[in-house]
Protein backbone atom coordinates (compact mmCIF):
# COMPACT_ATOMS: atom_id res chain seq x y z
CA UNK A 1 -11.40 -13.89 -7.78
CA UNK A 2 -13.85 -16.51 -6.82
CA UNK A 3 -14.04 -17.41 -2.95
CA UNK A 4 -12.73 -20.90 -1.55
CA UNK A 5 -14.89 -23.17 0.06
CA UNK A 6 -15.88 -21.90 3.49
CA UNK A 7 -13.54 -23.52 6.47
CA UNK A 8 -13.88 -22.94 10.34
CA UNK A 9 -11.30 -21.01 12.22
CA UNK A 10 -11.15 -21.35 15.94
CA UNK A 11 -9.50 -18.06 17.50
CA UNK A 12 -8.31 -16.87 20.66
CA UNK A 13 -11.15 -15.19 22.22
CA UNK A 14 -8.84 -12.06 22.71
CA UNK A 15 -8.09 -12.28 19.08
CA UNK A 16 -11.74 -12.85 18.13
CA UNK A 17 -12.78 -9.68 20.06
CA UNK A 18 -10.22 -7.73 18.47
CA UNK A 19 -11.20 -8.63 14.98
CA UNK A 20 -14.90 -8.15 15.86
CA UNK A 21 -14.23 -4.68 17.26
CA UNK A 22 -12.32 -3.72 13.78
CA UNK A 23 -15.59 -5.09 11.91
CA UNK A 24 -17.62 -3.01 13.88
CA UNK A 25 -15.53 0.16 13.27
CA UNK A 26 -15.51 -0.81 9.66
CA UNK A 27 -18.90 -1.81 8.87
CA UNK A 28 -17.51 -5.33 7.60
CA UNK A 29 -18.00 -9.09 8.33
CA UNK A 30 -15.34 -10.29 10.65
CA UNK A 31 -14.64 -12.65 7.78
CA UNK A 32 -13.51 -9.64 5.43
CA UNK A 33 -11.50 -8.36 8.24
CA UNK A 34 -9.60 -11.53 8.81
CA UNK A 35 -9.11 -12.07 5.30
CA UNK A 36 -7.58 -8.66 4.78
CA UNK A 37 -5.16 -9.65 7.99
CA UNK A 38 -4.04 -12.80 6.72
CA UNK A 39 -3.43 -11.28 3.20
CA UNK A 40 -1.40 -8.60 4.75
CA UNK A 41 0.42 -10.83 7.10
CA UNK A 42 1.46 -13.34 4.36
CA UNK A 43 2.64 -10.70 2.01
CA UNK A 44 4.89 -9.10 5.07
CA UNK A 45 6.17 -12.53 5.66
CA UNK A 46 6.98 -13.38 1.83
CA UNK A 47 8.61 -9.42 1.23
CA UNK A 48 10.51 -9.28 4.77
CA UNK A 49 11.04 -5.20 4.57
CA UNK A 50 7.26 -4.61 3.79
CA UNK A 51 4.86 -3.91 6.11
CA UNK A 52 1.19 -1.96 5.71
CA UNK A 53 -0.20 1.24 6.92
CA UNK A 54 -3.36 3.70 6.68
CA UNK A 55 -6.85 3.73 7.40
CA UNK A 56 -8.88 0.78 7.08
CA UNK A 57 -10.21 1.98 3.60
CA UNK A 58 -6.67 2.82 2.65
CA UNK A 59 -3.88 0.53 3.27
CA UNK A 60 -1.06 0.32 1.49
CA UNK A 61 2.70 -1.34 1.59
CA UNK A 62 5.57 0.69 2.62
CA UNK A 63 9.24 0.10 3.04
CA UNK A 64 10.48 -0.46 6.44
CA UNK A 65 13.71 2.13 7.19
CA UNK A 66 12.00 4.59 5.10
CA UNK A 67 9.15 6.72 5.25
CA UNK A 68 8.02 6.01 1.65
CA UNK A 69 5.26 3.56 0.34
CA UNK A 70 6.30 1.12 -2.43
CA UNK A 71 4.65 3.09 -5.16
CA UNK A 72 6.53 6.49 -4.18
CA UNK A 73 9.93 4.17 -4.82
CA UNK A 74 8.36 2.43 -7.67
CA UNK A 75 7.63 5.87 -9.26
CA UNK A 76 11.05 7.45 -8.37
CA UNK A 77 12.77 4.24 -9.94
CA UNK A 78 10.63 4.99 -13.17
CA UNK A 79 11.71 8.30 -13.22
CA UNK A 80 15.28 7.56 -12.67
CA UNK A 81 14.77 5.60 -16.13
CA UNK A 82 15.18 2.56 -14.12
CA UNK A 83 18.52 2.91 -13.46
CA UNK A 84 18.76 1.62 -10.01
CA UNK A 85 22.37 2.39 -9.57
CA UNK A 86 21.91 5.92 -9.88
CA UNK A 87 18.75 6.25 -8.05
CA UNK A 88 20.82 4.75 -5.29
CA UNK A 89 23.68 7.07 -5.48
CA UNK A 90 21.36 10.05 -5.49
CA UNK A 91 19.08 8.79 -2.91
CA UNK A 92 19.22 7.81 0.91
CA UNK A 93 17.52 4.63 -0.26
CA UNK A 94 19.68 1.44 0.58
CA UNK A 95 20.21 -1.48 -2.08
CA UNK A 96 17.85 -3.60 -0.23
CA UNK A 97 15.23 -1.07 0.02
CA UNK A 98 15.13 -1.04 -3.62
CA UNK A 99 15.21 -4.82 -4.20
CA UNK A 100 12.15 -5.33 -1.79
CA UNK A 101 10.04 -2.49 -3.39
CA UNK A 102 10.84 -3.67 -6.86
CA UNK A 103 10.07 -7.32 -5.83
CA UNK A 104 6.97 -6.50 -4.57
CA UNK A 105 6.40 -4.48 -7.55
CA UNK A 106 6.57 -7.78 -9.81
CA UNK A 107 4.21 -9.37 -7.56
CA UNK A 108 1.56 -6.60 -7.09
CA UNK A 109 2.55 -4.50 -10.39
CA UNK A 110 -1.80 -3.55 -10.85
CA UNK A 111 -1.92 -2.38 -7.40
CA UNK A 112 1.13 -0.22 -7.57
CA UNK A 113 0.52 1.28 -10.71
CA UNK A 114 -2.82 2.46 -9.45
CA UNK A 115 -1.45 4.30 -6.69
CA UNK A 116 1.14 5.83 -8.76
CA UNK A 117 -1.57 6.94 -11.27
CA UNK A 118 -3.74 8.13 -8.43
CA UNK A 119 -0.83 10.44 -7.57
CA UNK A 120 -0.50 12.00 -11.04
CA UNK A 121 -4.11 13.45 -11.63
CA UNK A 122 -3.96 17.09 -12.83
CA UNK A 123 -5.19 20.07 -10.90
CA UNK A 124 -8.47 19.83 -13.29
CA UNK A 125 -9.08 16.43 -12.25
CA UNK A 126 -8.41 16.99 -8.60
CA UNK A 127 -11.14 19.99 -8.67
CA UNK A 128 -13.42 17.76 -10.87
CA UNK A 129 -13.01 15.14 -8.17
CA UNK A 130 -13.10 17.31 -4.91
CA UNK A 131 -15.17 20.16 -5.86
CA UNK A 132 -15.35 21.48 -2.31
CA UNK A 133 -11.25 22.07 -2.32
CA UNK A 134 -9.97 25.48 -2.94
CA UNK A 135 -6.79 24.95 -5.43
CA UNK A 136 -3.83 27.62 -4.63
CA UNK A 137 -1.33 28.20 -7.18
CA UNK A 138 1.86 30.18 -6.19
CA UNK A 139 3.56 31.87 -8.90
CA UNK A 140 7.38 31.40 -9.16
C-alpha cells in the first residue's frame, strides 16, 4: 500500500525516548515503530476486547479474557462448521468474545487466514522449514 505524504508529530520526550529504544532494539526506524503502535492502538480501539501480544517481529491479535489468539478462535469456529451456538455451548468462550473475534476476522481475514495456514504445516513441511529440529512421534 502506498504511503501518505509525511507529516510532523511532536511527542512527549518520554514517549519519544521509548519509541527510540524500541527502534534501536528492533533495528527499525522510529517512524516504522510509531506506525505499528498507531495501527495496533487504532485496531484495539475499533475492536474493544482485542489486544496484541508477541515479540516485535510476530505481533498477533488475541481476545481479552481468553488465552486465545483471534486466529485460534476463527480456526475453531470453522472446525465447528461455523456453528457459533454449538461452539459456545461446548467451550468456555463467551458470546461477546466470539463476536469480537469474528468481527476482527471480517476486517483482517488475510492476516488471520495466514496464521491459520501457518499452524497447519505438515510434519514434512516443518522438517523442511526447520531442518535442525528433531521431530518426535508417539505411538498411541
